[in-house]
């Protein structure tokens, strides 16, 4: 899995968590005091940790969205310069683990 694919999966997971969070708040809504306490404490903590638009002042020092963005950016910037790529020796590059094949060449 590439870093870009990992970033995409992290964003999918964040969306799944948002859906579960909405469900949890609906369940907490069965009791007004429980709902208000959840809305005042754990709900914003989780929501701001996911990143994106959340309507709360402030945010997380490092949200899931931030992590996904970092992975995408580092995948774009990173190219292995190990001599294996030039020499074509062995099954896999000892540094990056690449087998030298493009995805379209695998099938």
C-alpha atoms as a PDB file:
ATOM      1  CA  UNK A   1       0.000   0.000   0.000  1.00  0.00           C
ATOM      2  CA  UNK A   2       1.405   3.370  -0.968  1.00  0.00           C
ATOM      3  CA  UNK A   3       1.372   6.360   1.329  1.00  0.00           C
ATOM      4  CA  UNK A   4      -1.304   7.957  -0.854  1.00  0.00           C
ATOM      5  CA  UNK A   5      -3.486   4.864  -0.533  1.00  0.00           C
ATOM      6  CA  UNK A   6      -2.896   4.873   3.228  1.00  0.00           C
ATOM      7  CA  UNK A   7      -3.929   8.546   3.347  1.00  0.00           C
ATOM      8  CA  UNK A   8      -7.119   7.774   1.430  1.00  0.00           C
ATOM      9  CA  UNK A   9      -7.923   4.918   3.806  1.00  0.00           C
ATOM     10  CA  UNK A  10      -7.330   7.169   6.833  1.00  0.00           C
ATOM     11  CA  UNK A  11      -9.852   9.647   5.399  1.00  0.00           C
ATOM     12  CA  UNK A  12     -12.348   6.805   4.847  1.00  0.00           C
ATOM     13  CA  UNK A  13     -11.882   5.690   8.446  1.00  0.00           C
ATOM     14  CA  UNK A  14     -12.406   9.267   9.653  1.00  0.00           C
ATOM     15  CA  UNK A  15     -15.731   9.331   7.781  1.00  0.00           C
ATOM     16  CA  UNK A  16     -16.729   5.994   9.327  1.00  0.00           C
ATOM     17  CA  UNK A  17     -15.909   7.391  12.763  1.00  0.00           C
ATOM     18  CA  UNK A  18     -18.013  10.502  12.040  1.00  0.00           C
ATOM     19  CA  UNK A  19     -20.952   8.242  11.213  1.00  0.00           C
ATOM     20  CA  UNK A  20     -20.490   6.232  14.402  1.00  0.00           C
ATOM     21  CA  UNK A  21     -20.134   9.460  16.362  1.00  0.00           C
ATOM     22  CA  UNK A  22     -23.475  10.710  15.012  1.00  0.00           C
ATOM     23  CA  UNK A  23     -25.047   7.398  16.008  1.00  0.00           C
ATOM     24  CA  UNK A  24     -23.556   7.627  19.509  1.00  0.00           C
ATOM     25  CA  UNK A  25     -24.933  11.142  19.930  1.00  0.00           C
ATOM     26  CA  UNK A  26     -28.380   9.956  18.841  1.00  0.00           C
ATOM     27  CA  UNK A  27     -28.187   7.249  21.487  1.00  0.00           C
ATOM     28  CA  UNK A  28     -26.970   9.721  24.111  1.00  0.00           C
ATOM     29  CA  UNK A  29     -29.983  11.843  23.190  1.00  0.00           C
ATOM     30  CA  UNK A  30     -32.205   9.350  24.994  1.00  0.00           C
ATOM     31  CA  UNK A  31     -31.342  11.341  28.132  1.00  0.00           C
ATOM     32  CA  UNK A  32     -30.984  15.116  28.025  1.00  0.00           C
ATOM     33  CA  UNK A  33     -28.300  15.332  30.710  1.00  0.00           C
ATOM     34  CA  UNK A  34     -26.247  12.521  29.134  1.00  0.00           C
ATOM     35  CA  UNK A  35     -26.561  14.231  25.737  1.00  0.00           C
ATOM     36  CA  UNK A  36     -25.484  17.622  27.098  1.00  0.00           C
ATOM     37  CA  UNK A  37     -22.501  16.132  28.922  1.00  0.00           C
ATOM     38  CA  UNK A  38     -21.428  14.233  25.796  1.00  0.00           C
ATOM     39  CA  UNK A  39     -21.865  17.359  23.667  1.00  0.00           C
ATOM     40  CA  UNK A  40     -19.734  19.315  26.124  1.00  0.00           C
ATOM     41  CA  UNK A  41     -16.907  16.833  26.527  1.00  0.00           C
ATOM     42  CA  UNK A  42     -16.125  13.754  24.449  1.00  0.00           C
ATOM     43  CA  UNK A  43     -18.072  14.653  21.310  1.00  0.00           C
ATOM     44  CA  UNK A  44     -16.009  17.791  20.475  1.00  0.00           C
ATOM     45  CA  UNK A  45     -12.751  16.068  21.464  1.00  0.00           C
ATOM     46  CA  UNK A  46     -13.361  13.246  19.008  1.00  0.00           C
ATOM     47  CA  UNK A  47     -14.796  15.478  16.301  1.00  0.00           C
ATOM     48  CA  UNK A  48     -11.936  17.976  16.358  1.00  0.00           C
ATOM     49  CA  UNK A  49      -9.420  15.099  16.362  1.00  0.00           C
ATOM     50  CA  UNK A  50     -10.843  13.933  13.050  1.00  0.00           C
ATOM     51  CA  UNK A  51     -10.220  17.303  11.413  1.00  0.00           C
ATOM     52  CA  UNK A  52     -12.204  19.174   8.808  1.00  0.00           C
ATOM     53  CA  UNK A  53     -15.128  21.499   9.436  1.00  0.00           C
ATOM     54  CA  UNK A  54     -16.507  20.888  12.888  1.00  0.00           C
ATOM     55  CA  UNK A  55     -17.884  24.228  14.061  1.00  0.00           C
ATOM     56  CA  UNK A  56     -15.827  24.339  17.248  1.00  0.00           C
ATOM     57  CA  UNK A  57     -13.342  27.024  18.169  1.00  0.00           C
ATOM     58  CA  UNK A  58      -9.836  25.579  18.031  1.00  0.00           C
ATOM     59  CA  UNK A  59      -8.894  22.144  16.918  1.00  0.00           C
ATOM     60  CA  UNK A  60      -6.516  19.286  17.341  1.00  0.00           C
ATOM     61  CA  UNK A  61      -2.733  19.649  17.323  1.00  0.00           C
ATOM     62  CA  UNK A  62      -2.642  16.835  14.783  1.00  0.00           C
ATOM     63  CA  UNK A  63      -5.911  15.550  13.364  1.00  0.00           C
ATOM     64  CA  UNK A  64      -6.510  12.434  11.278  1.00  0.00           C
ATOM     65  CA  UNK A  65      -6.906  14.762   8.293  1.00  0.00           C
ATOM     66  CA  UNK A  66      -3.499  16.297   9.045  1.00  0.00           C
ATOM     67  CA  UNK A  67      -1.917  12.846   9.162  1.00  0.00           C
ATOM     68  CA  UNK A  68      -3.499  11.882   5.839  1.00  0.00           C
ATOM     69  CA  UNK A  69      -2.242  15.119   4.271  1.00  0.00           C
ATOM     70  CA  UNK A  70       1.286  14.472   5.601  1.00  0.00           C
ATOM     71  CA  UNK A  71       1.281  10.985   4.096  1.00  0.00           C
ATOM     72  CA  UNK A  72       0.132  12.287   0.718  1.00  0.00           C
ATOM     73  CA  UNK A  73       2.773  15.025   0.697  1.00  0.00           C
ATOM     74  CA  UNK A  74       5.580  12.704   1.751  1.00  0.00           C
ATOM     75  CA  UNK A  75       4.568  10.171  -0.914  1.00  0.00           C
ATOM     76  CA  UNK A  76       4.870  12.871  -3.580  1.00  0.00           C
ATOM     77  CA  UNK A  77       8.244  14.063  -2.272  1.00  0.00           C
ATOM     78  CA  UNK A  78       9.832  10.693  -1.703  1.00  0.00           C
ATOM     79  CA  UNK A  79      11.696   8.876  -4.387  1.00  0.00           C
ATOM     80  CA  UNK A  80      14.155   6.194  -3.474  1.00  0.00           C
ATOM     81  CA  UNK A  81      17.643   6.828  -4.809  1.00  0.00           C
ATOM     82  CA  UNK A  82      19.167   3.498  -3.777  1.00  0.00           C
ATOM     83  CA  UNK A  83      21.544   2.084  -6.436  1.00  0.00           C
ATOM     84  CA  UNK A  84      19.337  -1.030  -6.671  1.00  0.00           C
ATOM     85  CA  UNK A  85      16.983   0.918  -8.950  1.00  0.00           C
ATOM     86  CA  UNK A  86      19.832   1.639 -11.376  1.00  0.00           C
ATOM     87  CA  UNK A  87      21.420  -1.798 -11.150  1.00  0.00           C
ATOM     88  CA  UNK A  88      18.218  -3.840 -11.074  1.00  0.00           C
ATOM     89  CA  UNK A  89      19.735  -6.309  -8.626  1.00  0.00           C
ATOM     90  CA  UNK A  90      17.760  -8.654  -6.373  1.00  0.00           C
ATOM     91  CA  UNK A  91      14.052  -9.124  -5.895  1.00  0.00           C
ATOM     92  CA  UNK A  92      13.371  -5.945  -3.934  1.00  0.00           C
ATOM     93  CA  UNK A  93      15.116  -2.694  -3.147  1.00  0.00           C
ATOM     94  CA  UNK A  94      16.610  -3.029   0.334  1.00  0.00           C
ATOM     95  CA  UNK A  95      15.671   0.566   1.185  1.00  0.00           C
ATOM     96  CA  UNK A  96      12.111   1.086  -0.096  1.00  0.00           C
ATOM     97  CA  UNK A  97      10.973  -2.498  -0.738  1.00  0.00           C
ATOM     98  CA  UNK A  98      10.010  -1.811  -4.346  1.00  0.00           C
ATOM     99  CA  UNK A  99      10.148  -4.666  -6.804  1.00  0.00           C
ATOM    100  CA  UNK A 100      10.646  -2.228  -9.670  1.00  0.00           C
ATOM    101  CA  UNK A 101       7.345  -3.039 -11.367  1.00  0.00           C
ATOM    102  CA  UNK A 102       4.699  -0.447 -12.082  1.00  0.00           C
ATOM    103  CA  UNK A 103       1.211  -1.365 -10.867  1.00  0.00           C
ATOM    104  CA  UNK A 104       0.002  -1.862 -14.447  1.00  0.00           C
ATOM    105  CA  UNK A 105       2.833  -4.365 -15.059  1.00  0.00           C
ATOM    106  CA  UNK A 106       1.725  -6.635 -12.211  1.00  0.00           C
ATOM    107  CA  UNK A 107      -1.122  -8.343 -14.055  1.00  0.00           C
END
